[in-house]
Protein backbone atom coordinates (compact mmCIF):
# COMPACT_ATOMS: atom_id res chain seq x y z
CA MET A 1 0.05 -0.03 0.06
CA SER A 2 2.71 2.45 0.86
CA GLU A 3 4.27 1.71 -2.47
CA GLN A 4 1.84 2.85 -4.05
CA LYS A 5 1.29 5.88 -2.00
CA ASP A 6 5.26 6.78 -2.71
CA GLN A 7 4.21 5.86 -6.73
CA SER A 8 1.72 8.26 -6.78
CA GLU A 9 3.41 11.04 -5.18
CA PHE A 10 6.30 10.93 -7.01
CA ASN A 11 3.83 10.96 -10.06
CA LEU A 12 2.55 13.63 -8.35
CA LYS A 13 5.58 16.09 -8.13
CA LYS A 14 6.80 14.85 -11.77
CA THR A 15 3.66 16.20 -13.41
CA LEU A 16 4.07 19.70 -11.00
CA GLU A 17 7.51 20.60 -12.27
CA SER A 18 6.98 19.82 -15.87
CA PHE A 19 3.51 22.23 -15.33
CA GLN A 20 6.15 24.72 -13.42
CA LYS A 21 8.74 24.31 -16.43
CA ILE A 22 5.74 25.39 -18.68
CA VAL A 23 4.78 28.24 -17.09
CA HIS A 24 7.98 29.40 -16.79
CA LYS A 25 8.68 29.44 -20.58
CA THR A 26 5.44 31.15 -21.74
CA ALA A 27 5.52 33.63 -18.91
CA PRO A 28 7.16 36.51 -21.70
CA ALA A 29 4.18 35.63 -23.83
CA ALA A 30 1.42 35.59 -21.56
CA SER A 31 2.87 38.92 -20.20
CA GLY A 32 2.90 40.47 -23.86
CA SER A 33 -0.61 39.67 -24.38
CA TYR A 34 -2.16 41.11 -21.37
CA SER A 35 -0.26 44.52 -22.40
CA LEU A 36 -1.90 43.93 -25.36
CA ILE A 37 -5.47 43.38 -24.36
CA GLY A 38 -4.67 46.24 -21.71
CA SER A 39 -3.52 48.88 -24.00
CA ILE A 40 -6.54 48.45 -26.52
CA LEU A 41 -8.36 48.20 -23.37
CA MET A 42 -7.54 51.52 -21.92
CA PHE A 43 -7.18 53.74 -24.73
CA THR A 44 -10.17 52.85 -26.05
CA PHE A 45 -12.15 53.63 -22.80
CA LEU A 46 -9.85 57.21 -23.11
CA GLY A 47 -11.43 57.50 -26.46
CA TRP A 48 -14.71 57.03 -25.85
CA CYS A 49 -13.93 59.82 -22.48
CA ILE A 50 -12.96 62.37 -25.42
CA ASP A 51 -16.25 61.47 -27.28
CA GLN A 52 -18.35 61.64 -24.30
CA ASN A 53 -16.88 64.88 -23.37
CA SER A 54 -16.48 66.34 -27.09
CA THR A 55 -18.23 66.66 -30.41
CA LEU A 56 -15.91 64.20 -32.48
CA SER A 57 -17.93 61.56 -31.70
CA PRO A 58 -16.61 58.27 -33.80
CA LYS A 59 -13.12 59.60 -33.68
CA GLY A 60 -12.08 59.31 -30.50
CA ILE A 61 -13.10 55.76 -30.01
CA LEU A 62 -11.32 54.58 -33.41
CA CYS A 63 -7.62 56.57 -32.61
CA GLY A 64 -8.23 55.13 -29.03
CA VAL A 65 -8.52 51.92 -30.54
CA PHE A 66 -5.66 52.40 -33.28
CA PHE A 67 -3.27 53.93 -30.18
CA GLY A 68 -4.28 50.91 -28.08
CA LEU A 69 -3.37 48.44 -31.07
CA ILE A 70 0.14 49.69 -32.17
CA ILE A 71 1.05 50.36 -28.05
CA GLY A 72 -0.06 46.68 -27.69
CA PHE A 73 1.87 44.75 -30.27
CA TYR A 74 4.66 47.10 -29.82
CA LEU A 75 5.00 45.73 -25.99
CA LEU A 76 3.88 42.22 -27.53
CA PHE A 77 6.93 42.23 -29.70
CA LYS A 78 8.89 43.93 -27.12
CA SER A 79 8.51 41.11 -24.73
CA ILE A 80 8.07 37.71 -26.88
CA LYS A 81 11.63 39.33 -28.44
CA THR A 82 13.08 39.27 -24.89
CA GLN A 83 12.37 35.37 -24.53
CA LYS A 84 15.63 33.05 -25.13
CA TYR A 85 14.74 29.87 -26.62
């Protein structure tokens, strides 16, 4: 019974170590994608606020999305570029 318990603990430890290695390798890409999503949302919201306080109705959101995409993709490529394989 104890031999089976030792084997299952070994398998769990091996699985968790493997998962940790995968997460460690993908961290820069995850960080870059979060930066992309965050910048798009932030600049879109900023464009919406500009639209609410002026008469530039669709132009603020469009500019916000455009700048969010540009800055987000820059941050994504920058974080992936630092990844060493």
